[in-house]
Amino acid sequence: MQILCYFSLYKQCFRKKRDGICICSLRKEWGRPAVRSRADK
């Protein structure tokens, strides 16, 4: 199961349990490189 990040209001962000980081993707295409962002703010 993918957990949504609290800053997913702007982008589609999903939290990976393995790394514990949030991956944001502007498009629904996961094939493209996603932007990694830490949930610090």
PDB file of N, CA and C in Angstrom:
ATOM      1  N   MET A   1       0.836  -1.202   0.000  1.00  0.00           N
ATOM      2  CA  MET A   1       0.000   0.000   0.000  1.00  0.00           C
ATOM      3  C   MET A   1       0.875   1.258   0.000  1.00  0.00           C
ATOM      4  N   GLN A   2       0.475   2.259  -0.771  1.00  0.00           N
ATOM      5  CA  GLN A   2       1.237   3.495  -0.857  1.00  0.00           C
ATOM      6  C   GLN A   2       0.586   4.559   0.022  1.00  0.00           C
ATOM      7  N   ILE A   3       1.400   5.194   0.845  1.00  0.00           N
ATOM      8  CA  ILE A   3       0.880   6.224   1.739  1.00  0.00           C
ATOM      9  C   ILE A   3       1.102   7.612   1.132  1.00  0.00           C
ATOM     10  N   LEU A   4       0.040   8.415   1.098  1.00  0.00           N
ATOM     11  CA  LEU A   4       0.164   9.750   0.535  1.00  0.00           C
ATOM     12  C   LEU A   4       0.885  10.667   1.512  1.00  0.00           C
ATOM     13  N   CYS A   5       1.694  11.554   0.966  1.00  0.00           N
ATOM     14  CA  CYS A   5       2.399  12.513   1.810  1.00  0.00           C
ATOM     15  C   CYS A   5       1.505  13.718   2.067  1.00  0.00           C
ATOM     16  N   TYR A   6       1.798  14.427   3.148  1.00  0.00           N
ATOM     17  CA  TYR A   6       0.946  15.537   3.534  1.00  0.00           C
ATOM     18  C   TYR A   6       1.088  16.714   2.572  1.00  0.00           C
ATOM     19  N   PHE A   7       2.157  16.737   1.751  1.00  0.00           N
ATOM     20  CA  PHE A   7       2.333  17.829   0.808  1.00  0.00           C
ATOM     21  C   PHE A   7       1.931  17.393  -0.593  1.00  0.00           C
ATOM     22  N   SER A   8       1.042  16.384  -0.656  1.00  0.00           N
ATOM     23  CA  SER A   8       0.610  15.863  -1.954  1.00  0.00           C
ATOM     24  C   SER A   8      -0.448  16.767  -2.582  1.00  0.00           C
ATOM     25  N   LEU A   9      -0.716  17.909  -1.953  1.00  0.00           N
ATOM     26  CA  LEU A   9      -1.725  18.823  -2.495  1.00  0.00           C
ATOM     27  C   LEU A   9      -1.248  19.414  -3.818  1.00  0.00           C
ATOM     28  N   TYR A  10       0.069  19.607  -3.945  1.00  0.00           N
ATOM     29  CA  TYR A  10       0.603  20.194  -5.161  1.00  0.00           C
ATOM     30  C   TYR A  10       0.985  19.122  -6.177  1.00  0.00           C
ATOM     31  N   LYS A  11       1.562  18.037  -5.673  1.00  0.00           N
ATOM     32  CA  LYS A  11       1.986  16.964  -6.566  1.00  0.00           C
ATOM     33  C   LYS A  11       1.470  15.630  -6.061  1.00  0.00           C
ATOM     34  N   GLN A  12       1.588  14.622  -6.888  1.00  0.00           N
ATOM     35  CA  GLN A  12       1.202  13.282  -6.463  1.00  0.00           C
ATOM     36  C   GLN A  12       2.397  12.642  -5.776  1.00  0.00           C
ATOM     37  N   CYS A  13       2.368  12.650  -4.443  1.00  0.00           N
ATOM     38  CA  CYS A  13       3.503  12.121  -3.694  1.00  0.00           C
ATOM     39  C   CYS A  13       3.137  10.810  -3.002  1.00  0.00           C
ATOM     40  N   PHE A  14       4.037   9.848  -3.075  1.00  0.00           N
ATOM     41  CA  PHE A  14       3.827   8.572  -2.413  1.00  0.00           C
ATOM     42  C   PHE A  14       5.037   8.243  -1.549  1.00  0.00           C
ATOM     43  N   ARG A  15       4.774   7.749  -0.367  1.00  0.00           N
ATOM     44  CA  ARG A  15       5.874   7.446   0.549  1.00  0.00           C
ATOM     45  C   ARG A  15       6.283   5.986   0.424  1.00  0.00           C
ATOM     46  N   LYS A  16       7.560   5.749   0.229  1.00  0.00           N
ATOM     47  CA  LYS A  16       8.068   4.374   0.110  1.00  0.00           C
ATOM     48  C   LYS A  16       8.458   3.858   1.489  1.00  0.00           C
ATOM     49  N   LYS A  17       7.896   2.708   1.852  1.00  0.00           N
ATOM     50  CA  LYS A  17       8.211   2.135   3.168  1.00  0.00           C
ATOM     51  C   LYS A  17       9.666   1.691   3.236  1.00  0.00           C
ATOM     52  N   ARG A  18      10.225   1.318   2.089  1.00  0.00           N
ATOM     53  CA  ARG A  18      11.609   0.829   2.078  1.00  0.00           C
ATOM     54  C   ARG A  18      12.592   1.952   2.431  1.00  0.00           C
ATOM     55  N   ASP A  19      12.451   3.086   1.747  1.00  0.00           N
ATOM     56  CA  ASP A  19      13.375   4.202   1.987  1.00  0.00           C
ATOM     57  C   ASP A  19      12.821   5.169   3.025  1.00  0.00           C
ATOM     58  N   GLY A  20      11.496   5.195   3.149  1.00  0.00           N
ATOM     59  CA  GLY A  20      10.899   6.115   4.105  1.00  0.00           C
ATOM     60  C   GLY A  20      10.892   7.548   3.585  1.00  0.00           C
ATOM     61  N   ILE A  21      11.106   7.687   2.258  1.00  0.00           N
ATOM     62  CA  ILE A  21      11.096   9.030   1.678  1.00  0.00           C
ATOM     63  C   ILE A  21       9.870   9.190   0.785  1.00  0.00           C
ATOM     64  N   CYS A  22       9.577  10.428   0.445  1.00  0.00           N
ATOM     65  CA  CYS A  22       8.410  10.703  -0.398  1.00  0.00           C
ATOM     66  C   CYS A  22       8.856  10.938  -1.833  1.00  0.00           C
ATOM     67  N   ILE A  23       8.188  10.268  -2.759  1.00  0.00           N
ATOM     68  CA  ILE A  23       8.501  10.467  -4.164  1.00  0.00           C
ATOM     69  C   ILE A  23       7.339  11.199  -4.826  1.00  0.00           C
ATOM     70  N   CYS A  24       7.644  12.374  -5.403  1.00  0.00           N
ATOM     71  CA  CYS A  24       6.597  13.163  -6.044  1.00  0.00           C
ATOM     72  C   CYS A  24       6.721  13.067  -7.554  1.00  0.00           C
ATOM     73  N   SER A  25       5.596  12.847  -8.201  1.00  0.00           N
ATOM     74  CA  SER A  25       5.599  12.768  -9.652  1.00  0.00           C
ATOM     75  C   SER A  25       4.551  13.728 -10.199  1.00  0.00           C
ATOM     76  N   LEU A  26       4.961  14.614 -11.099  1.00  0.00           N
ATOM     77  CA  LEU A  26       4.031  15.587 -11.659  1.00  0.00           C
ATOM     78  C   LEU A  26       2.998  14.881 -12.539  1.00  0.00           C
ATOM     79  N   ARG A  27       3.403  13.810 -13.195  1.00  0.00           N
ATOM     80  CA  ARG A  27       2.488  13.077 -14.064  1.00  0.00           C
ATOM     81  C   ARG A  27       2.210  11.709 -13.483  1.00  0.00           C
ATOM     82  N   LYS A  28       1.162  11.086 -13.982  1.00  0.00           N
ATOM     83  CA  LYS A  28       0.806   9.761 -13.489  1.00  0.00           C
ATOM     84  C   LYS A  28       1.762   8.704 -14.023  1.00  0.00           C
ATOM     85  N   GLU A  29       2.633   9.131 -14.941  1.00  0.00           N
ATOM     86  CA  GLU A  29       3.581   8.182 -15.529  1.00  0.00           C
ATOM     87  C   GLU A  29       4.748   7.961 -14.573  1.00  0.00           C
ATOM     88  N   TRP A  30       4.784   6.779 -13.953  1.00  0.00           N
ATOM     89  CA  TRP A  30       5.864   6.463 -13.016  1.00  0.00           C
ATOM     90  C   TRP A  30       7.132   6.081 -13.776  1.00  0.00           C
ATOM     91  N   GLY A  31       7.015   5.912 -15.099  1.00  0.00           N
ATOM     92  CA  GLY A  31       8.174   5.520 -15.896  1.00  0.00           C
ATOM     93  C   GLY A  31       9.196   6.648 -15.972  1.00  0.00           C
ATOM     94  N   ARG A  32       8.718   7.891 -15.840  1.00  0.00           N
ATOM     95  CA  ARG A  32       9.628   9.028 -15.911  1.00  0.00           C
ATOM     96  C   ARG A  32      10.319   9.244 -14.566  1.00  0.00           C
ATOM     97  N   PRO A  33      11.475   9.900 -14.570  1.00  0.00           N
ATOM     98  CA  PRO A  33      12.207  10.161 -13.324  1.00  0.00           C
ATOM     99  C   PRO A  33      11.375  10.998 -12.368  1.00  0.00           C
ATOM    100  N   ALA A  34      11.254  10.528 -11.133  1.00  0.00           N
ATOM    101  CA  ALA A  34      10.467  11.242 -10.133  1.00  0.00           C
ATOM    102  C   ALA A  34      11.378  12.119  -9.277  1.00  0.00           C
ATOM    103  N   VAL A  35      10.794  13.133  -8.684  1.00  0.00           N
ATOM    104  CA  VAL A  35      11.573  14.056  -7.850  1.00  0.00           C
ATOM    105  C   VAL A  35      11.518  13.598  -6.402  1.00  0.00           C
ATOM    106  N   ARG A  36      12.676  13.421  -5.806  1.00  0.00           N
ATOM    107  CA  ARG A  36      12.710  12.978  -4.408  1.00  0.00           C
ATOM    108  C   ARG A  36      12.694  14.178  -3.475  1.00  0.00           C
ATOM    109  N   SER A  37      11.826  14.118  -2.481  1.00  0.00           N
ATOM    110  CA  SER A  37      11.750  15.222  -1.515  1.00  0.00           C
ATOM    111  C   SER A  37      11.633  14.657  -0.106  1.00  0.00           C
ATOM    112  N   ARG A  38      12.360  15.262   0.816  1.00  0.00           N
ATOM    113  CA  ARG A  38      12.278  14.794   2.203  1.00  0.00           C
ATOM    114  C   ARG A  38      11.131  15.481   2.929  1.00  0.00           C
ATOM    115  N   ALA A  39      10.458  14.755   3.780  1.00  0.00           N
ATOM    116  CA  ALA A  39       9.323  15.314   4.516  1.00  0.00           C
ATOM    117  C   ALA A  39       9.820  16.056   5.754  1.00  0.00           C
ATOM    118  N   ASP A  40      10.502  17.169   5.507  1.00  0.00           N
ATOM    119  CA  ASP A  40      11.022  17.960   6.628  1.00  0.00           C
ATOM    120  C   ASP A  40      10.072  19.102   6.971  1.00  0.00           C
ATOM    121  N   LYS A  41       9.535  19.730   5.923  1.00  0.00           N
ATOM    122  CA  LYS A  41       8.647  20.883   6.155  1.00  0.00           C
ATOM    123  C   LYS A  41       7.301  20.391   6.670  1.00  0.00           C
TER     124      LYS A  41
END
